[in-house]
N, C-alpha and C. Protein backbone atom coordinates (compact mmCIF):
# COMPACT_ATOMS: atom_id res chain seq x y z
N MET A 1 -6.87 10.85 -0.57
CA MET A 1 -6.43 10.89 -1.37
C MET A 1 -5.26 11.38 -1.50
N LEU A 2 -5.79 12.47 -2.47
CA LEU A 2 -5.09 13.95 -2.86
C LEU A 2 -4.42 14.73 -1.83
N THR A 3 -4.48 14.64 -0.32
CA THR A 3 -4.63 15.37 0.86
C THR A 3 -3.79 14.11 1.49
N GLN A 4 -2.90 13.10 0.79
CA GLN A 4 -2.05 12.51 1.06
C GLN A 4 -2.26 11.65 2.55
N ARG A 5 -3.94 11.75 2.90
CA ARG A 5 -4.60 10.93 3.67
C ARG A 5 -5.45 9.63 3.94
N HIS A 6 -4.28 8.35 3.49
CA HIS A 6 -4.37 7.35 3.08
C HIS A 6 -5.52 6.32 3.59
N ASP A 7 -4.96 6.19 4.57
CA ASP A 7 -6.12 5.60 6.19
C ASP A 7 -6.87 5.57 5.53
N ALA A 8 -7.13 7.11 5.19
CA ALA A 8 -9.10 7.12 5.02
C ALA A 8 -9.54 6.95 3.86
N ALA A 9 -9.07 6.76 3.32
CA ALA A 9 -8.79 6.90 1.55
C ALA A 9 -9.30 5.30 1.05
N ILE A 10 -8.47 4.39 1.71
CA ILE A 10 -8.30 3.15 1.55
C ILE A 10 -9.85 2.63 2.36
N ALA A 11 -9.93 3.11 3.52
CA ALA A 11 -11.36 2.55 4.35
C ALA A 11 -12.83 3.53 3.76
N LEU A 12 -12.32 4.30 2.55
CA LEU A 12 -13.78 4.65 2.05
C LEU A 12 -13.82 5.03 0.96
N GLY A 13 -12.63 4.28 0.11
CA GLY A 13 -12.95 3.89 -0.78
C GLY A 13 -13.02 2.28 -0.85
N THR A 14 -12.97 1.46 0.01
CA THR A 14 -13.53 0.31 -0.08
C THR A 14 -14.86 0.15 0.19
N ARG A 15 -15.07 0.66 1.22
CA ARG A 15 -16.83 1.12 1.01
C ARG A 15 -17.64 1.35 -0.10
N THR A 16 -16.52 2.50 -1.01
CA THR A 16 -17.56 3.15 -1.66
C THR A 16 -17.35 1.49 -2.70
N GLU A 17 -16.03 0.88 -3.60
CA GLU A 17 -15.93 -0.05 -4.20
C GLU A 17 -17.34 -1.38 -3.54
N ARG A 18 -17.01 -1.59 -2.43
CA ARG A 18 -18.63 -3.00 -2.08
C ARG A 18 -19.47 -1.99 -2.27
N LEU A 19 -19.94 -1.13 -2.36
CA LEU A 19 -21.59 -0.35 -2.58
C LEU A 19 -21.85 -0.13 -4.18
N ALA A 20 -20.72 0.06 -4.81
CA ALA A 20 -20.62 0.59 -6.26
C ALA A 20 -20.78 -0.90 -7.18
N ARG A 21 -20.30 -1.78 -6.03
CA ARG A 21 -20.23 -3.21 -7.06
C ARG A 21 -21.77 -4.13 -6.92
N ARG A 22 -22.72 -3.69 -5.62
CA ARG A 22 -23.70 -3.89 -5.13
C ARG A 22 -24.46 -3.38 -6.18
N ILE A 23 -24.53 -2.66 -6.83
CA ILE A 23 -25.03 -1.78 -7.55
C ILE A 23 -25.20 -1.59 -8.47
N GLY A 24 -23.95 -2.02 -9.11
CA GLY A 24 -23.63 -2.40 -10.60
C GLY A 24 -23.17 -1.05 -10.86
N ASP A 25 -22.64 -0.03 -10.59
CA ASP A 25 -22.20 1.55 -10.79
C ASP A 25 -21.29 1.01 -11.16
N ARG A 26 -20.53 1.32 -12.30
CA ARG A 26 -19.57 0.77 -12.87
C ARG A 26 -18.42 2.02 -12.95
N GLU A 27 -19.11 2.99 -13.14
CA GLU A 27 -17.94 4.28 -13.22
C GLU A 27 -17.49 4.66 -11.86
N THR A 28 -18.56 4.52 -10.92
CA THR A 28 -17.73 5.14 -9.64
C THR A 28 -17.52 4.19 -8.96
N LEU A 29 -17.25 2.04 -9.31
CA LEU A 29 -16.44 1.21 -8.84
C LEU A 29 -15.06 1.40 -9.54
N ALA A 30 -14.61 2.18 -10.85
CA ALA A 30 -13.54 2.19 -11.98
C ALA A 30 -13.08 3.96 -10.21
N HIS A 31 -14.08 4.21 -10.08
CA HIS A 31 -13.42 5.69 -9.58
C HIS A 31 -12.87 5.21 -8.39
N ALA A 32 -13.23 4.38 -7.33
CA ALA A 32 -13.05 3.67 -5.48
C ALA A 32 -11.51 2.56 -6.17
N LEU A 33 -11.51 2.08 -7.29
CA LEU A 33 -10.52 1.48 -7.14
C LEU A 33 -9.15 1.56 -7.40
N THR A 34 -9.22 3.01 -8.32
CA THR A 34 -8.26 4.14 -8.64
C THR A 34 -7.92 4.53 -7.51
N ASN A 35 -8.63 4.93 -6.39
CA ASN A 35 -8.38 6.00 -4.94
C ASN A 35 -7.63 5.09 -4.08
N VAL A 36 -8.54 4.24 -4.59
CA VAL A 36 -7.80 3.00 -3.37
C VAL A 36 -6.12 2.21 -4.16
N GLY A 37 -5.86 1.79 -5.09
CA GLY A 37 -5.08 1.60 -5.74
C GLY A 37 -3.89 2.99 -5.50
N THR A 38 -4.47 3.45 -6.34
CA THR A 38 -2.95 4.15 -5.29
C THR A 38 -2.56 4.93 -4.19
N SER A 39 -3.69 5.17 -3.11
CA SER A 39 -2.91 5.33 -1.86
C SER A 39 -2.27 3.92 -1.91
N TYR A 40 -2.53 2.64 -2.09
CA TYR A 40 -1.95 1.92 -1.77
C TYR A 40 -0.26 1.57 -2.19
N LEU A 41 -0.70 2.09 -3.61
CA LEU A 41 1.19 2.07 -4.39
C LEU A 41 1.56 3.53 -3.47
N GLN A 42 1.01 4.17 -3.07
CA GLN A 42 2.16 5.43 -2.13
C GLN A 42 2.23 5.61 -1.01
N GLN A 43 1.99 4.22 -0.34
CA GLN A 43 2.27 3.16 0.64
C GLN A 43 3.73 2.76 0.48
N GLY A 44 3.65 1.94 -0.59
CA GLY A 44 4.54 0.65 -0.91
C GLY A 44 3.66 -0.91 -1.14
N ASP A 45 2.37 -0.72 -0.92
CA ASP A 45 1.86 -2.06 -1.27
C ASP A 45 1.38 -2.63 -2.06
N GLU A 46 1.72 -3.93 -2.08
CA GLU A 46 1.73 -4.38 -3.15
C GLU A 46 0.08 -4.54 -4.26
N ARG A 47 -0.32 -4.41 -3.03
CA ARG A 47 -2.26 -4.20 -4.02
C ARG A 47 -1.94 -3.39 -4.70
N GLY A 48 -1.84 -2.17 -5.18
CA GLY A 48 -2.08 -1.18 -5.30
C GLY A 48 -1.86 -1.11 -7.30
N PRO A 49 -1.13 -1.50 -7.69
CA PRO A 49 -0.73 -1.62 -9.54
C PRO A 49 -2.37 -2.68 -9.61
N GLU A 50 -2.11 -3.55 -9.00
CA GLU A 50 -3.50 -4.65 -9.31
C GLU A 50 -5.20 -3.85 -9.58
N LEU A 51 -4.94 -3.11 -8.32
CA LEU A 51 -6.39 -2.23 -8.74
C LEU A 51 -6.48 -1.33 -9.55
N LEU A 52 -5.25 -0.30 -9.68
CA LEU A 52 -5.01 0.62 -10.87
C LEU A 52 -5.34 -0.33 -12.25
N GLU A 53 -4.73 -1.50 -12.38
CA GLU A 53 -5.35 -2.10 -13.79
C GLU A 53 -6.30 -3.10 -13.54
N GLN A 54 -7.18 -2.80 -12.78
CA GLN A 54 -8.60 -3.69 -12.58
C GLN A 54 -9.26 -1.94 -13.10
N ALA A 55 -9.11 -1.02 -12.51
CA ALA A 55 -9.50 0.07 -12.69
C ALA A 55 -9.41 0.90 -14.22
N PHE A 56 -8.32 0.67 -14.74
CA PHE A 56 -8.00 0.81 -15.92
C PHE A 56 -9.29 0.14 -16.91
N ALA A 57 -8.59 -1.41 -16.60
CA ALA A 57 -10.16 -1.74 -17.77
C ALA A 57 -10.80 -2.41 -17.69
N LEU A 58 -11.49 -1.50 -16.57
CA LEU A 58 -12.73 -0.73 -16.25
C LEU A 58 -13.63 -0.20 -17.42
N ALA A 59 -12.80 0.99 -16.58
CA ALA A 59 -12.89 2.44 -17.29
C ALA A 59 -12.86 2.14 -18.97
N MET A 60 -12.20 1.41 -19.59
CA MET A 60 -11.87 1.41 -21.21
C MET A 60 -12.76 0.98 -21.54
N GLU A 61 -13.16 -0.38 -20.92
CA GLU A 61 -14.72 -1.21 -21.90
C GLU A 61 -15.47 -0.17 -21.78
N ASP A 62 -15.70 0.84 -20.89
CA ASP A 62 -17.39 1.20 -20.54
C ASP A 62 -17.06 3.11 -21.14
N ASP A 63 -15.81 2.80 -21.84
CA ASP A 63 -15.49 4.40 -22.37
C ASP A 63 -15.51 5.85 -21.88
N HIS A 64 -15.08 5.80 -20.35
CA HIS A 64 -14.65 6.51 -19.55
C HIS A 64 -13.15 6.78 -19.47
N ASP A 65 -12.61 7.35 -20.24
CA ASP A 65 -11.58 8.38 -21.18
C ASP A 65 -10.84 8.55 -19.71
N ASP A 66 -11.58 9.61 -18.63
CA ASP A 66 -10.95 10.02 -17.04
C ASP A 66 -10.47 9.54 -16.59
N HIS A 67 -11.34 8.07 -16.41
CA HIS A 67 -10.96 7.01 -15.27
C HIS A 67 -9.93 6.42 -15.51
N ALA A 68 -10.11 6.60 -17.15
CA ALA A 68 -8.89 5.51 -17.51
C ALA A 68 -7.64 6.17 -17.17
N ALA A 69 -7.47 6.90 -17.61
CA ALA A 69 -6.57 8.25 -17.69
C ALA A 69 -5.84 8.03 -16.09
N ARG A 70 -6.90 8.16 -14.77
CA ARG A 70 -6.82 7.79 -13.59
C ARG A 70 -5.25 7.34 -13.47
N ALA A 71 -6.21 5.79 -13.97
CA ALA A 71 -6.29 4.79 -13.47
C ALA A 71 -4.12 3.77 -14.18
N SER A 72 -3.75 5.71 -15.00
CA SER A 72 -2.85 4.94 -15.78
C SER A 72 -1.35 5.30 -15.30
């Protein structure tokens, strides 16, 4: 995501999101949602803001301030 390789970031982030949900890793889920949401946002895709809102809410619920800051 940080190197503007959005397609790769979305593919890997989506894969990570699915795995994190399956194993119940909420911190990794918040990170993945932020990466995918930011990549979508930078491409002008309307799915981006919703994913960032989900990541922010999840991070705030679990007191992961660093993830909340990234998603906001």
